[in-house]
Amino acid sequence: DNTEIPKIDWEQVVDEIVNKIVKSQAVETLTTIRQKIYELQSHCIPPSLVLK
């Protein structure tokens, strides 16, 4: 059975963060990533889980 389980919203955001880090290590990218991490925290996703 090759059925993929869809990722939940916060996992998709983490994937976006990872892709941005890999694509560009510029200051602007860091600012965007920081904002996304703050958004995850505001939705009760702990930073330790995000950084895992």
N, C-alpha and C. Protein backbone atom coordinates (compact mmCIF):
# COMPACT_ATOMS: atom_id res chain seq x y z
N ASP A 1 0.84 -1.19 0.00
CA ASP A 1 0.00 0.00 0.00
C ASP A 1 0.88 1.24 0.00
N ASN A 2 0.85 2.01 -1.06
CA ASN A 2 1.71 3.19 -1.20
C ASN A 2 0.98 4.50 -0.96
N THR A 3 -0.02 4.47 -0.12
CA THR A 3 -0.77 5.68 0.17
C THR A 3 0.04 6.60 1.07
N GLU A 4 0.25 7.83 0.57
CA GLU A 4 0.98 8.80 1.37
C GLU A 4 0.03 9.53 2.30
N ILE A 5 0.49 9.74 3.51
CA ILE A 5 -0.29 10.52 4.47
C ILE A 5 0.05 11.98 4.23
N PRO A 6 -0.97 12.81 3.99
CA PRO A 6 -0.68 14.23 3.75
C PRO A 6 -0.08 14.89 4.99
N LYS A 7 0.85 15.79 4.75
CA LYS A 7 1.48 16.50 5.86
C LYS A 7 0.50 17.53 6.42
N ILE A 8 0.59 17.71 7.73
CA ILE A 8 -0.25 18.73 8.35
C ILE A 8 0.38 20.09 8.11
N ASP A 9 -0.41 21.14 8.34
CA ASP A 9 0.00 22.50 7.98
C ASP A 9 1.37 22.89 8.51
N TRP A 10 1.63 22.64 9.79
CA TRP A 10 2.90 23.10 10.35
C TRP A 10 4.08 22.33 9.76
N GLU A 11 3.86 21.08 9.37
CA GLU A 11 4.93 20.32 8.72
C GLU A 11 5.25 20.90 7.34
N GLN A 12 4.24 21.38 6.66
CA GLN A 12 4.46 22.03 5.37
C GLN A 12 5.26 23.32 5.54
N VAL A 13 4.97 24.06 6.60
CA VAL A 13 5.71 25.29 6.87
C VAL A 13 7.17 24.97 7.18
N VAL A 14 7.40 23.92 7.94
CA VAL A 14 8.78 23.51 8.24
C VAL A 14 9.51 23.11 6.96
N ASP A 15 8.83 22.42 6.06
CA ASP A 15 9.44 22.08 4.77
C ASP A 15 9.82 23.34 3.99
N GLU A 16 8.94 24.34 4.02
CA GLU A 16 9.25 25.62 3.36
C GLU A 16 10.49 26.26 3.96
N ILE A 17 10.58 26.22 5.29
CA ILE A 17 11.74 26.79 5.98
C ILE A 17 13.02 26.09 5.53
N VAL A 18 12.98 24.78 5.51
CA VAL A 18 14.16 23.99 5.11
C VAL A 18 14.56 24.33 3.68
N ASN A 19 13.59 24.40 2.79
CA ASN A 19 13.89 24.72 1.39
C ASN A 19 14.51 26.11 1.26
N LYS A 20 14.03 27.07 2.03
CA LYS A 20 14.58 28.42 1.98
C LYS A 20 16.02 28.44 2.49
N ILE A 21 16.29 27.68 3.55
CA ILE A 21 17.65 27.62 4.10
C ILE A 21 18.61 27.02 3.07
N VAL A 22 18.19 25.95 2.43
CA VAL A 22 19.04 25.29 1.44
C VAL A 22 19.27 26.19 0.22
N LYS A 23 18.24 26.90 -0.18
CA LYS A 23 18.32 27.73 -1.39
C LYS A 23 19.16 28.98 -1.19
N SER A 24 19.04 29.62 -0.01
CA SER A 24 19.73 30.89 0.19
C SER A 24 20.06 31.10 1.66
N GLN A 25 21.28 31.50 1.93
CA GLN A 25 21.71 31.79 3.29
C GLN A 25 21.90 33.29 3.50
N ALA A 26 21.05 34.09 2.89
CA ALA A 26 21.14 35.54 2.98
C ALA A 26 20.41 36.06 4.23
N VAL A 27 20.72 37.28 4.60
CA VAL A 27 20.08 37.91 5.76
C VAL A 27 18.57 38.00 5.57
N GLU A 28 18.14 38.31 4.36
CA GLU A 28 16.70 38.42 4.08
C GLU A 28 16.01 37.08 4.31
N THR A 29 16.68 36.00 3.95
CA THR A 29 16.12 34.67 4.16
C THR A 29 15.98 34.39 5.64
N LEU A 30 16.98 34.76 6.41
CA LEU A 30 16.93 34.57 7.86
C LEU A 30 15.75 35.31 8.47
N THR A 31 15.51 36.52 8.00
CA THR A 31 14.38 37.31 8.50
C THR A 31 13.06 36.61 8.20
N THR A 32 12.92 36.10 7.00
CA THR A 32 11.70 35.39 6.61
C THR A 32 11.51 34.13 7.44
N ILE A 33 12.59 33.39 7.64
CA ILE A 33 12.53 32.16 8.42
C ILE A 33 12.15 32.46 9.86
N ARG A 34 12.73 33.50 10.41
CA ARG A 34 12.42 33.90 11.79
C ARG A 34 10.92 34.19 11.93
N GLN A 35 10.36 34.90 10.97
CA GLN A 35 8.93 35.22 11.00
C GLN A 35 8.09 33.95 10.95
N LYS A 36 8.49 33.00 10.12
CA LYS A 36 7.74 31.75 10.02
C LYS A 36 7.82 30.95 11.33
N ILE A 37 8.99 30.96 11.97
CA ILE A 37 9.13 30.25 13.24
C ILE A 37 8.27 30.93 14.31
N TYR A 38 8.24 32.26 14.33
CA TYR A 38 7.37 32.97 15.27
C TYR A 38 5.90 32.64 15.03
N GLU A 39 5.52 32.52 13.77
CA GLU A 39 4.14 32.15 13.45
C GLU A 39 3.82 30.76 13.99
N LEU A 40 4.75 29.83 13.81
CA LEU A 40 4.53 28.48 14.34
C LEU A 40 4.39 28.51 15.86
N GLN A 41 5.23 29.29 16.52
CA GLN A 41 5.14 29.41 17.98
C GLN A 41 3.80 30.00 18.40
N SER A 42 3.31 30.96 17.65
CA SER A 42 2.03 31.58 18.00
C SER A 42 0.87 30.60 17.84
N HIS A 43 1.10 29.52 17.10
CA HIS A 43 0.09 28.47 16.96
C HIS A 43 0.41 27.26 17.84
N CYS A 44 1.22 27.51 18.86
CA CYS A 44 1.55 26.51 19.89
C CYS A 44 2.37 25.33 19.38
N ILE A 45 3.17 25.54 18.35
CA ILE A 45 4.12 24.52 17.91
C ILE A 45 5.44 24.86 18.58
N PRO A 46 5.92 24.00 19.48
CA PRO A 46 7.14 24.32 20.23
C PRO A 46 8.38 24.35 19.32
N PRO A 47 9.29 25.30 19.59
CA PRO A 47 10.51 25.41 18.78
C PRO A 47 11.34 24.12 18.76
N SER A 48 11.34 23.39 19.85
CA SER A 48 12.12 22.15 19.88
C SER A 48 11.60 21.15 18.85
N LEU A 49 10.31 21.16 18.60
CA LEU A 49 9.73 20.27 17.60
C LEU A 49 10.06 20.77 16.19
N VAL A 50 10.04 22.07 16.00
CA VAL A 50 10.35 22.65 14.69
C VAL A 50 11.80 22.36 14.32
N LEU A 51 12.70 22.49 15.27
CA LEU A 51 14.13 22.32 14.99
C LEU A 51 14.58 20.87 14.96
N LYS A 52 13.70 19.95 15.27
CA LYS A 52 14.05 18.53 15.29
C LYS A 52 14.40 18.05 13.96
